[in-house]
């Protein structure tokens, strides 16, 4: 079994993380790579069914997410973390626990995120109906040294996914082989 890797897509809410994660997952599956997308919105409902989005809950949630990702990688499943992880410490814990780890900053101007806003989070923040939106009421700490920065207001999701694939190939984590790319 080839050693697996993890890619953490981080950025403000509505920055385009999920679109890039889905495109990357499709590309990897198409190349025969076993991959799991750990989407924070889906997993939060399981880990914290009545979310408060306060610091204590986020600490628990991201520790659980990192643990699940590490568990999967150690069993040969490549992982895409699709999660804001507003504190660097959350992503740093994953980096420390997962040998093959790449942090991807999905950079998007706040006004573009607010305009996209599929869940109405920015509207709720403006109206005072939420208190913990990362990058608005709660801090968002961008990565200090991400392996890749994707300007999602100027990059299509598939192009972002292809840029990540190129990074993985440069690192030797994927190889181009007959019949497609395989985990290495």
C-alpha atoms as a PDB file:
ATOM      1  CA  UNK A   1       0.000   0.000   0.000  1.00  0.00           C
ATOM      2  CA  UNK A   2       1.411   3.415  -0.981  1.00  0.00           C
ATOM      3  CA  UNK A   3       1.882   5.954   1.828  1.00  0.00           C
ATOM      4  CA  UNK A   4      -1.087   8.287   1.960  1.00  0.00           C
ATOM      5  CA  UNK A   5      -1.084  12.057   2.353  1.00  0.00           C
ATOM      6  CA  UNK A   6      -3.361  14.799   3.614  1.00  0.00           C
ATOM      7  CA  UNK A   7      -4.223  18.151   2.064  1.00  0.00           C
ATOM      8  CA  UNK A   8      -5.877  20.797   4.260  1.00  0.00           C
ATOM      9  CA  UNK A   9      -7.849  23.433   2.368  1.00  0.00           C
ATOM     10  CA  UNK A  10      -8.193  26.428   4.673  1.00  0.00           C
ATOM     11  CA  UNK A  11      -9.748  29.825   4.105  1.00  0.00           C
ATOM     12  CA  UNK A  12     -12.644  31.980   5.186  1.00  0.00           C
ATOM     13  CA  UNK A  13     -16.185  30.617   4.978  1.00  0.00           C
ATOM     14  CA  UNK A  14     -17.452  30.726   1.359  1.00  0.00           C
ATOM     15  CA  UNK A  15     -13.926  31.147  -0.016  1.00  0.00           C
ATOM     16  CA  UNK A  16     -14.308  28.150  -2.339  1.00  0.00           C
ATOM     17  CA  UNK A  17     -12.783  25.362  -0.250  1.00  0.00           C
ATOM     18  CA  UNK A  18     -15.591  22.879  -0.898  1.00  0.00           C
ATOM     19  CA  UNK A  19     -15.622  23.461  -4.650  1.00  0.00           C
ATOM     20  CA  UNK A  20     -11.856  22.899  -4.828  1.00  0.00           C
ATOM     21  CA  UNK A  21     -12.055  19.879  -2.482  1.00  0.00           C
ATOM     22  CA  UNK A  22     -14.717  18.283  -4.672  1.00  0.00           C
ATOM     23  CA  UNK A  23     -12.728  18.963  -7.850  1.00  0.00           C
ATOM     24  CA  UNK A  24      -9.555  17.565  -6.260  1.00  0.00           C
ATOM     25  CA  UNK A  25     -11.411  14.481  -5.041  1.00  0.00           C
ATOM     26  CA  UNK A  26     -12.747  13.828  -8.556  1.00  0.00           C
ATOM     27  CA  UNK A  27      -9.267  14.195 -10.057  1.00  0.00           C
ATOM     28  CA  UNK A  28      -7.713  11.846  -7.487  1.00  0.00           C
ATOM     29  CA  UNK A  29     -10.488   9.255  -7.804  1.00  0.00           C
ATOM     30  CA  UNK A  30     -10.076   9.429 -11.579  1.00  0.00           C
ATOM     31  CA  UNK A  31      -6.428   8.503 -11.106  1.00  0.00           C
ATOM     32  CA  UNK A  32      -7.230   5.546  -8.873  1.00  0.00           C
ATOM     33  CA  UNK A  33      -6.284   7.221  -5.586  1.00  0.00           C
ATOM     34  CA  UNK A  34      -8.304   6.232  -2.504  1.00  0.00           C
ATOM     35  CA  UNK A  35      -9.333   9.572  -1.001  1.00  0.00           C
ATOM     36  CA  UNK A  36     -11.741  10.792   1.670  1.00  0.00           C
ATOM     37  CA  UNK A  37     -13.007  14.368   1.901  1.00  0.00           C
ATOM     38  CA  UNK A  38     -13.461  15.408   5.527  1.00  0.00           C
ATOM     39  CA  UNK A  39     -15.969  18.208   5.109  1.00  0.00           C
ATOM     40  CA  UNK A  40     -16.404  20.234   8.272  1.00  0.00           C
ATOM     41  CA  UNK A  41     -20.084  21.009   7.667  1.00  0.00           C
ATOM     42  CA  UNK A  42     -20.956  17.310   7.452  1.00  0.00           C
ATOM     43  CA  UNK A  43     -18.724  16.129  10.295  1.00  0.00           C
ATOM     44  CA  UNK A  44     -19.663  18.973  12.629  1.00  0.00           C
ATOM     45  CA  UNK A  45     -23.250  17.655  12.619  1.00  0.00           C
ATOM     46  CA  UNK A  46     -21.917  14.309  13.893  1.00  0.00           C
ATOM     47  CA  UNK A  47     -19.298  15.549  16.353  1.00  0.00           C
ATOM     48  CA  UNK A  48     -21.203  18.549  17.733  1.00  0.00           C
ATOM     49  CA  UNK A  49     -24.866  18.089  16.786  1.00  0.00           C
ATOM     50  CA  UNK A  50     -25.906  21.359  18.473  1.00  0.00           C
ATOM     51  CA  UNK A  51     -23.019  23.640  17.496  1.00  0.00           C
ATOM     52  CA  UNK A  52     -22.278  26.833  19.411  1.00  0.00           C
ATOM     53  CA  UNK A  53     -19.144  27.697  17.396  1.00  0.00           C
ATOM     54  CA  UNK A  54     -17.363  28.950  20.515  1.00  0.00           C
ATOM     55  CA  UNK A  55     -13.662  28.374  21.206  1.00  0.00           C
ATOM     56  CA  UNK A  56     -14.137  25.272  23.374  1.00  0.00           C
ATOM     57  CA  UNK A  57     -16.342  23.594  20.805  1.00  0.00           C
ATOM     58  CA  UNK A  58     -13.973  24.473  17.957  1.00  0.00           C
ATOM     59  CA  UNK A  59     -11.045  23.038  19.926  1.00  0.00           C
ATOM     60  CA  UNK A  60     -12.950  19.754  20.350  1.00  0.00           C
ATOM     61  CA  UNK A  61     -14.158  19.681  16.760  1.00  0.00           C
ATOM     62  CA  UNK A  62     -10.798  20.343  15.111  1.00  0.00           C
ATOM     63  CA  UNK A  63      -8.977  17.915  17.434  1.00  0.00           C
ATOM     64  CA  UNK A  64     -11.519  15.258  16.417  1.00  0.00           C
ATOM     65  CA  UNK A  65     -11.183  16.143  12.731  1.00  0.00           C
ATOM     66  CA  UNK A  66      -7.387  15.983  12.884  1.00  0.00           C
ATOM     67  CA  UNK A  67      -7.538  12.639  14.711  1.00  0.00           C
ATOM     68  CA  UNK A  68      -9.887  11.186  12.084  1.00  0.00           C
ATOM     69  CA  UNK A  69      -7.646  12.436   9.269  1.00  0.00           C
ATOM     70  CA  UNK A  70      -4.524  10.999  10.901  1.00  0.00           C
ATOM     71  CA  UNK A  71      -6.356   7.683  11.428  1.00  0.00           C
ATOM     72  CA  UNK A  72      -7.310   7.473   7.736  1.00  0.00           C
ATOM     73  CA  UNK A  73      -3.856   8.463   6.441  1.00  0.00           C
ATOM     74  CA  UNK A  74      -2.189   5.823   8.623  1.00  0.00           C
ATOM     75  CA  UNK A  75      -4.496   3.266   7.013  1.00  0.00           C
ATOM     76  CA  UNK A  76      -3.552   4.286   3.481  1.00  0.00           C
ATOM     77  CA  UNK A  77      -6.453   6.613   2.670  1.00  0.00           C
ATOM     78  CA  UNK A  78      -5.523  10.037   1.322  1.00  0.00           C
ATOM     79  CA  UNK A  79      -7.425  12.848   3.035  1.00  0.00           C
ATOM     80  CA  UNK A  80      -8.700  16.228   1.916  1.00  0.00           C
ATOM     81  CA  UNK A  81      -9.639  18.421   4.876  1.00  0.00           C
ATOM     82  CA  UNK A  82     -12.330  20.864   3.743  1.00  0.00           C
ATOM     83  CA  UNK A  83     -12.434  23.041   6.845  1.00  0.00           C
ATOM     84  CA  UNK A  84     -11.883  26.687   7.752  1.00  0.00           C
ATOM     85  CA  UNK A  85      -9.839  25.867  10.881  1.00  0.00           C
ATOM     86  CA  UNK A  86      -9.676  29.517  11.875  1.00  0.00           C
ATOM     87  CA  UNK A  87      -6.675  29.004  14.182  1.00  0.00           C
ATOM     88  CA  UNK A  88      -3.264  28.008  12.861  1.00  0.00           C
ATOM     89  CA  UNK A  89      -2.883  25.693  15.859  1.00  0.00           C
ATOM     90  CA  UNK A  90      -5.590  23.400  14.476  1.00  0.00           C
ATOM     91  CA  UNK A  91      -3.780  22.977  11.174  1.00  0.00           C
ATOM     92  CA  UNK A  92      -0.371  22.805  12.862  1.00  0.00           C
ATOM     93  CA  UNK A  93      -1.594  19.846  14.943  1.00  0.00           C
ATOM     94  CA  UNK A  94      -2.470  18.008  11.735  1.00  0.00           C
ATOM     95  CA  UNK A  95       0.910  18.899  10.227  1.00  0.00           C
ATOM     96  CA  UNK A  96       2.667  17.536  13.326  1.00  0.00           C
ATOM     97  CA  UNK A  97       0.670  14.293  13.291  1.00  0.00           C
ATOM     98  CA  UNK A  98       0.605  13.531   9.558  1.00  0.00           C
ATOM     99  CA  UNK A  99       3.936  12.989   7.829  1.00  0.00           C
ATOM    100  CA  UNK A 100       2.762  13.820   4.299  1.00  0.00           C
ATOM    101  CA  UNK A 101       0.777  17.006   4.881  1.00  0.00           C
ATOM    102  CA  UNK A 102       0.170  20.026   2.657  1.00  0.00           C
ATOM    103  CA  UNK A 103      -1.662  23.170   3.735  1.00  0.00           C
ATOM    104  CA  UNK A 104      -3.436  25.008   0.940  1.00  0.00           C
ATOM    105  CA  UNK A 105      -4.629  28.562   1.562  1.00  0.00           C
ATOM    106  CA  UNK A 106      -7.803  29.301  -0.387  1.00  0.00           C
ATOM    107  CA  UNK A 107      -7.421  33.067  -0.418  1.00  0.00           C
ATOM    108  CA  UNK A 108     -10.500  35.100  -1.234  1.00  0.00           C
ATOM    109  CA  UNK A 109     -11.365  38.720  -0.418  1.00  0.00           C
ATOM    110  CA  UNK A 110     -13.940  39.089   2.344  1.00  0.00           C
ATOM    111  CA  UNK A 111     -16.355  40.947   0.056  1.00  0.00           C
ATOM    112  CA  UNK A 112     -16.259  38.086  -2.482  1.00  0.00           C
ATOM    113  CA  UNK A 113     -16.894  35.515   0.269  1.00  0.00           C
ATOM    114  CA  UNK A 114     -19.836  37.596   1.502  1.00  0.00           C
ATOM    115  CA  UNK A 115     -21.246  37.871  -2.033  1.00  0.00           C
ATOM    116  CA  UNK A 116     -21.010  34.079  -2.552  1.00  0.00           C
ATOM    117  CA  UNK A 117     -22.340  33.210   0.931  1.00  0.00           C
ATOM    118  CA  UNK A 118     -24.434  30.114   0.066  1.00  0.00           C
ATOM    119  CA  UNK A 119     -25.449  29.571   3.706  1.00  0.00           C
ATOM    120  CA  UNK A 120     -26.233  33.194   4.569  1.00  0.00           C
ATOM    121  CA  UNK A 121     -23.513  33.330   7.239  1.00  0.00           C
ATOM    122  CA  UNK A 122     -22.267  36.807   6.384  1.00  0.00           C
ATOM    123  CA  UNK A 123     -25.821  38.141   6.299  1.00  0.00           C
ATOM    124  CA  UNK A 124     -26.459  36.602   9.731  1.00  0.00           C
ATOM    125  CA  UNK A 125     -23.274  38.244  11.027  1.00  0.00           C
ATOM    126  CA  UNK A 126     -24.330  41.659   9.659  1.00  0.00           C
ATOM    127  CA  UNK A 127     -27.745  41.236  11.269  1.00  0.00           C
ATOM    128  CA  UNK A 128     -26.240  40.200  14.611  1.00  0.00           C
ATOM    129  CA  UNK A 129     -27.750  36.700  14.496  1.00  0.00           C
ATOM    130  CA  UNK A 130     -24.383  34.979  14.853  1.00  0.00           C
ATOM    131  CA  UNK A 131     -21.387  35.844  17.005  1.00  0.00           C
ATOM    132  CA  UNK A 132     -18.624  33.549  15.826  1.00  0.00           C
ATOM    133  CA  UNK A 133     -18.075  33.901  12.060  1.00  0.00           C
ATOM    134  CA  UNK A 134     -14.347  33.448  11.306  1.00  0.00           C
ATOM    135  CA  UNK A 135     -12.855  36.494   9.650  1.00  0.00           C
ATOM    136  CA  UNK A 136     -15.711  38.716  10.831  1.00  0.00           C
ATOM    137  CA  UNK A 137     -16.520  38.365  14.558  1.00  0.00           C
ATOM    138  CA  UNK A 138     -13.899  35.714  15.310  1.00  0.00           C
ATOM    139  CA  UNK A 139     -10.341  35.875  14.044  1.00  0.00           C
ATOM    140  CA  UNK A 140      -9.099  33.883  11.079  1.00  0.00           C
ATOM    141  CA  UNK A 141      -5.356  33.172  11.102  1.00  0.00           C
ATOM    142  CA  UNK A 142      -4.129  32.614   7.547  1.00  0.00           C
ATOM    143  CA  UNK A 143      -1.277  30.142   7.129  1.00  0.00           C
ATOM    144  CA  UNK A 144       2.203  31.568   7.586  1.00  0.00           C
ATOM    145  CA  UNK A 145       3.879  29.195   5.117  1.00  0.00           C
ATOM    146  CA  UNK A 146       1.284  27.290   3.112  1.00  0.00           C
ATOM    147  CA  UNK A 147       2.513  24.888   0.489  1.00  0.00           C
ATOM    148  CA  UNK A 148       0.219  26.597  -2.009  1.00  0.00           C
ATOM    149  CA  UNK A 149      -1.972  29.715  -2.189  1.00  0.00           C
ATOM    150  CA  UNK A 150      -5.004  29.649  -4.479  1.00  0.00           C
ATOM    151  CA  UNK A 151      -6.689  32.982  -5.238  1.00  0.00           C
ATOM    152  CA  UNK A 152     -10.179  31.544  -5.519  1.00  0.00           C
ATOM    153  CA  UNK A 153     -11.703  34.766  -6.804  1.00  0.00           C
ATOM    154  CA  UNK A 154      -9.513  34.347  -9.909  1.00  0.00           C
ATOM    155  CA  UNK A 155      -9.106  30.557 -10.101  1.00  0.00           C
ATOM    156  CA  UNK A 156     -11.675  27.988 -11.196  1.00  0.00           C
ATOM    157  CA  UNK A 157     -12.057  25.042  -8.798  1.00  0.00           C
ATOM    158  CA  UNK A 158     -10.690  22.513 -11.308  1.00  0.00           C
ATOM    159  CA  UNK A 159      -7.666  24.726 -11.998  1.00  0.00           C
ATOM    160  CA  UNK A 160      -7.063  24.896  -8.248  1.00  0.00           C
ATOM    161  CA  UNK A 161      -7.325  21.116  -8.049  1.00  0.00           C
ATOM    162  CA  UNK A 162      -4.827  20.729 -10.901  1.00  0.00           C
ATOM    163  CA  UNK A 163      -2.404  23.089  -9.133  1.00  0.00           C
ATOM    164  CA  UNK A 164      -2.655  20.913  -6.014  1.00  0.00           C
ATOM    165  CA  UNK A 165      -2.061  17.766  -8.089  1.00  0.00           C
ATOM    166  CA  UNK A 166       1.055  19.388  -9.550  1.00  0.00           C
ATOM    167  CA  UNK A 167       2.276  20.152  -6.012  1.00  0.00           C
ATOM    168  CA  UNK A 168       1.683  16.539  -4.953  1.00  0.00           C
ATOM    169  CA  UNK A 169       3.585  15.304  -8.012  1.00  0.00           C
ATOM    170  CA  UNK A 170       6.516  17.685  -7.315  1.00  0.00           C
ATOM    171  CA  UNK A 171       6.693  16.333  -3.774  1.00  0.00           C
ATOM    172  CA  UNK A 172       6.741  12.769  -5.088  1.00  0.00           C
ATOM    173  CA  UNK A 173       3.463  11.880  -3.366  1.00  0.00           C
ATOM    174  CA  UNK A 174       1.823  11.109  -6.706  1.00  0.00           C
ATOM    175  CA  UNK A 175       3.459   9.696  -9.782  1.00  0.00           C
ATOM    176  CA  UNK A 176       2.247   9.770 -13.331  1.00  0.00           C
ATOM    177  CA  UNK A 177       2.053   6.158 -14.417  1.00  0.00           C
ATOM    178  CA  UNK A 178       0.475   4.300 -17.283  1.00  0.00           C
ATOM    179  CA  UNK A 179      -3.254   4.334 -16.690  1.00  0.00           C
ATOM    180  CA  UNK A 180      -3.170   7.428 -14.498  1.00  0.00           C
ATOM    181  CA  UNK A 181      -1.600   8.830 -11.378  1.00  0.00           C
ATOM    182  CA  UNK A 182      -1.079   6.644  -8.345  1.00  0.00           C
ATOM    183  CA  UNK A 183      -0.279   7.472  -4.748  1.00  0.00           C
ATOM    184  CA  UNK A 184       3.414   7.001  -4.096  1.00  0.00           C
END
